[in-house]
């Protein structure tokens, strides 16, 4: 069966455009024009992914996301006219999987949807299994906490291992500075971005072919980091 995508969007023209683009790609489409309706449809229909506009008529899309994350881990891609970093960070911290600023291209949206669906399915399947990520000659085994390149062990400190495991667990997804600092070092360190930058630099020197031109651990400027890996 084709994946089902719920669009929570109050602009009729935007809604029609999105529906047409998605149905052309054989997705099943559900619609909601308010936050309240969107939450009801999500609960009753169980979509595989949600496209969520932040500017809804009844309440802010961020509140919809907060309520949704109480009971669901369905992938959510935010659609918004807000381009500033603070807005992106707030939604990613609240549990969004991705963020697109309007106007955006349909091919980019479709690509983001495919990536989000692949990651969600992969993570769900791997919850009860040992997860191994292979990136070129680099192998990250989360089960044994071993990292090797061409079969040779790369020694990581305990903190470096914890940081890499967090990025690997959410491979392909942007993690904000706050999310990473809270998960690895605790709530007392959520403002210490420089501390995180130091450890990211250390990881890059151990894992990247050219640390000054990272291809594995990517920087999302002003927001956080993303492990550049996609499940096969």
Protein backbone atom coordinates (compact mmCIF):
# COMPACT_ATOMS: atom_id res chain seq x y z
CA UNK A 1 0.00 0.00 0.00
CA UNK A 2 1.14 3.55 -0.74
CA UNK A 3 2.11 5.75 2.24
CA UNK A 4 -0.59 8.06 3.58
CA UNK A 5 0.31 11.72 4.06
CA UNK A 6 -1.75 14.18 6.10
CA UNK A 7 -1.56 17.83 5.00
CA UNK A 8 -2.48 20.33 7.72
CA UNK A 9 -2.76 23.58 5.76
CA UNK A 10 -5.39 26.34 5.70
CA UNK A 11 -4.51 27.97 2.35
CA UNK A 12 -6.78 26.37 -0.26
CA UNK A 13 -4.45 27.00 -3.20
CA UNK A 14 -1.44 25.56 -1.36
CA UNK A 15 -3.50 22.56 -0.28
CA UNK A 16 -4.60 21.80 -3.86
CA UNK A 17 -1.04 22.13 -5.13
CA UNK A 18 0.31 19.77 -2.49
CA UNK A 19 -2.47 17.23 -3.00
CA UNK A 20 -1.88 17.14 -6.76
CA UNK A 21 1.88 16.74 -6.34
CA UNK A 22 1.50 13.93 -3.81
CA UNK A 23 -1.22 12.05 -5.66
CA UNK A 24 0.90 12.20 -8.82
CA UNK A 25 3.49 10.24 -6.84
CA UNK A 26 0.81 7.70 -5.75
CA UNK A 27 0.62 8.86 -2.14
CA UNK A 28 -2.73 8.66 -0.35
CA UNK A 29 -3.61 12.16 0.84
CA UNK A 30 -5.59 13.31 3.88
CA UNK A 31 -6.44 16.97 4.51
CA UNK A 32 -7.10 19.25 7.47
CA UNK A 33 -7.46 23.04 7.48
CA UNK A 34 -7.15 23.66 11.24
CA UNK A 35 -4.90 22.40 14.01
CA UNK A 36 -7.76 20.77 15.88
CA UNK A 37 -8.97 18.96 12.77
CA UNK A 38 -5.40 17.89 11.97
CA UNK A 39 -4.95 16.28 15.38
CA UNK A 40 -8.29 14.47 15.04
CA UNK A 41 -7.43 13.12 11.59
CA UNK A 42 -3.96 12.07 12.77
CA UNK A 43 -5.45 10.16 15.70
CA UNK A 44 -8.21 8.48 13.69
CA UNK A 45 -6.41 7.75 10.40
CA UNK A 46 -2.80 7.17 11.51
CA UNK A 47 -0.94 8.74 8.56
CA UNK A 48 2.61 7.72 7.72
CA UNK A 49 3.80 11.34 7.51
CA UNK A 50 2.42 14.80 8.26
CA UNK A 51 3.03 18.07 6.41
CA UNK A 52 2.30 20.80 8.96
CA UNK A 53 1.85 24.50 8.24
CA UNK A 54 2.74 26.74 11.20
CA UNK A 55 0.23 29.49 10.39
CA UNK A 56 -3.08 27.84 11.20
CA UNK A 57 -6.32 29.75 11.98
CA UNK A 58 -7.15 28.21 15.36
CA UNK A 59 -3.78 27.72 17.05
CA UNK A 60 -0.11 27.77 16.19
CA UNK A 61 1.35 24.82 14.32
CA UNK A 62 3.99 24.47 17.03
CA UNK A 63 1.22 23.69 19.52
CA UNK A 64 -0.12 21.04 17.12
CA UNK A 65 3.36 19.51 17.02
CA UNK A 66 3.69 19.57 20.81
CA UNK A 67 0.33 17.85 21.26
CA UNK A 68 1.12 15.32 18.54
CA UNK A 69 4.44 14.35 20.10
CA UNK A 70 2.71 13.38 23.36
CA UNK A 71 1.39 10.22 21.70
CA UNK A 72 2.89 9.87 18.22
CA UNK A 73 6.31 9.67 16.55
CA UNK A 74 4.89 10.04 13.04
CA UNK A 75 7.39 12.00 10.89
CA UNK A 76 6.46 15.69 10.64
CA UNK A 77 7.79 18.12 8.04
CA UNK A 78 7.12 21.75 8.88
CA UNK A 79 6.00 24.14 6.11
CA UNK A 80 6.36 27.82 6.98
CA UNK A 81 6.97 31.28 5.58
CA UNK A 82 9.24 31.93 8.58
CA UNK A 83 12.85 31.69 7.45
CA UNK A 84 14.64 32.74 10.63
CA UNK A 85 16.75 30.21 12.51
CA UNK A 86 14.93 30.60 15.84
CA UNK A 87 11.70 29.34 14.32
CA UNK A 88 13.42 26.35 12.76
CA UNK A 89 15.21 25.51 15.99
CA UNK A 90 11.98 25.73 18.01
CA UNK A 91 10.15 23.27 15.78
CA UNK A 92 13.08 20.86 15.54
CA UNK A 93 13.48 20.97 19.33
CA UNK A 94 9.77 20.18 19.63
CA UNK A 95 10.20 17.03 17.56
CA UNK A 96 9.80 17.99 13.89
CA UNK A 97 11.78 15.85 11.46
CA UNK A 98 12.42 18.53 8.86
CA UNK A 99 11.61 22.14 7.94
CA UNK A 100 10.86 23.74 4.58
CA UNK A 101 10.53 27.49 4.06
CA UNK A 102 7.86 28.73 1.67
CA UNK A 103 8.08 29.05 -1.25
CA UNK A 104 9.76 25.70 -1.86
CA UNK A 105 10.06 23.50 -4.91
CA UNK A 106 7.89 20.40 -5.22
CA UNK A 107 10.90 18.19 -6.16
CA UNK A 108 12.65 19.24 -2.94
CA UNK A 109 9.54 18.52 -0.89
CA UNK A 110 9.15 15.08 -2.46
CA UNK A 111 12.81 14.30 -1.76
CA UNK A 112 12.42 15.35 1.90
CA UNK A 113 9.33 13.16 2.19
CA UNK A 114 11.12 10.12 0.78
CA UNK A 115 14.03 10.59 3.18
CA UNK A 116 11.77 11.06 6.22
CA UNK A 117 9.73 7.95 5.38
CA UNK A 118 12.86 5.82 4.83
CA UNK A 119 14.39 6.91 8.12
CA UNK A 120 11.20 6.30 10.07
CA UNK A 121 10.73 2.79 8.68
CA UNK A 122 14.39 1.95 9.22
CA UNK A 123 14.44 3.22 12.81
CA UNK A 124 11.25 1.32 13.63
CA UNK A 125 12.69 -1.91 12.22
CA UNK A 126 15.97 -1.43 14.07
CA UNK A 127 14.51 -0.82 17.53
CA UNK A 128 14.91 -4.47 18.47
CA UNK A 129 18.01 -5.15 16.38
CA UNK A 130 21.69 -4.27 16.36
CA UNK A 131 22.18 -1.28 14.10
CA UNK A 132 25.23 -1.09 11.85
CA UNK A 133 25.89 1.94 9.66
CA UNK A 134 28.36 1.68 6.79
CA UNK A 135 29.67 4.82 5.15
CA UNK A 136 32.37 4.06 2.57
CA UNK A 137 35.12 2.23 4.45
CA UNK A 138 33.78 3.48 7.78
CA UNK A 139 31.67 1.10 9.88
CA UNK A 140 29.71 2.22 12.95
CA UNK A 141 28.38 -0.67 15.02
CA UNK A 142 26.00 0.69 17.63
CA UNK A 143 25.53 -2.74 19.18
CA UNK A 144 29.19 -3.31 20.08
CA UNK A 145 30.06 0.43 20.16
CA UNK A 146 32.92 -0.20 17.77
CA UNK A 147 33.92 2.16 14.98
CA UNK A 148 36.32 0.89 12.33
CA UNK A 149 37.82 2.09 9.07
CA UNK A 150 38.92 -0.64 6.66
CA UNK A 151 38.74 -3.05 9.59
CA UNK A 152 40.99 -0.97 11.86
CA UNK A 153 39.54 0.16 15.18
CA UNK A 154 39.10 3.90 15.75
CA UNK A 155 39.43 4.73 19.43
CA UNK A 156 36.79 7.09 20.79
CA UNK A 157 36.39 8.52 24.27
CA UNK A 158 33.21 7.72 26.17
CA UNK A 159 31.74 11.15 25.40
CA UNK A 160 32.72 10.94 21.73
CA UNK A 161 31.06 7.52 21.52
CA UNK A 162 27.89 8.82 23.18
CA UNK A 163 27.77 11.79 20.80
CA UNK A 164 28.33 9.63 17.72
CA UNK A 165 25.73 7.11 18.86
CA UNK A 166 23.17 9.89 19.25
CA UNK A 167 23.86 11.16 15.73
CA UNK A 168 23.77 7.60 14.37
CA UNK A 169 20.48 6.83 16.11
CA UNK A 170 18.96 9.78 14.27
CA UNK A 171 21.01 9.40 11.09
CA UNK A 172 19.89 11.76 8.34
CA UNK A 173 17.89 13.94 10.71
CA UNK A 174 18.90 17.40 11.94
CA UNK A 175 19.52 17.50 15.68
CA UNK A 176 19.62 20.95 17.27
CA UNK A 177 22.40 22.12 19.58
CA UNK A 178 19.96 21.98 22.51
CA UNK A 179 18.82 18.44 21.72
CA UNK A 180 22.39 17.16 21.51
CA UNK A 181 23.71 18.98 24.57
CA UNK A 182 20.74 17.83 26.67
CA UNK A 183 21.07 14.20 25.54
CA UNK A 184 24.84 13.91 25.92
CA UNK A 185 25.72 16.27 28.76
CA UNK A 186 22.41 17.08 30.48
CA UNK A 187 20.15 20.08 30.97
CA UNK A 188 22.82 22.17 32.73
CA UNK A 189 24.83 22.32 29.48
CA UNK A 190 22.15 23.23 26.92
CA UNK A 191 23.67 26.69 26.32
CA UNK A 192 27.28 25.48 25.93
CA UNK A 193 27.35 25.33 22.13
CA UNK A 194 31.12 25.90 22.04
CA UNK A 195 31.58 22.77 24.16
CA UNK A 196 29.65 20.78 21.55
CA UNK A 197 31.65 22.32 18.70
CA UNK A 198 34.88 21.10 20.30
CA UNK A 199 33.65 17.51 20.44
CA UNK A 200 32.25 17.63 16.91
CA UNK A 201 35.68 18.81 15.75
CA UNK A 202 37.33 15.89 17.57
CA UNK A 203 34.95 13.40 15.96
CA UNK A 204 35.57 14.85 12.53
CA UNK A 205 39.32 14.53 12.93
CA UNK A 206 38.87 10.86 13.76
CA UNK A 207 36.16 9.98 11.23
CA UNK A 208 36.31 12.34 8.27
CA UNK A 209 38.66 11.84 5.34
CA UNK A 210 39.24 15.61 5.21
CA UNK A 211 38.14 17.05 8.60
CA UNK A 212 38.07 20.63 7.28
CA UNK A 213 35.62 19.53 4.56
CA UNK A 214 33.27 17.19 6.45
CA UNK A 215 31.08 14.83 4.46
CA UNK A 216 29.79 12.60 7.28
CA UNK A 217 28.95 14.99 10.14
CA UNK A 218 27.33 18.00 8.50
CA UNK A 219 26.70 21.41 10.06
CA UNK A 220 23.24 22.94 9.79
CA UNK A 221 24.29 26.57 10.21
CA UNK A 222 22.98 28.11 13.43
CA UNK A 223 20.83 25.06 14.15
CA UNK A 224 22.81 21.89 14.82
CA UNK A 225 24.25 18.83 13.10
CA UNK A 226 23.18 15.98 10.85
CA UNK A 227 24.83 12.60 10.25
CA UNK A 228 24.92 12.32 6.46
CA UNK A 229 23.76 8.74 6.05
CA UNK A 230 20.69 7.12 4.55
CA UNK A 231 19.46 3.56 5.12
CA UNK A 232 19.81 1.27 2.13
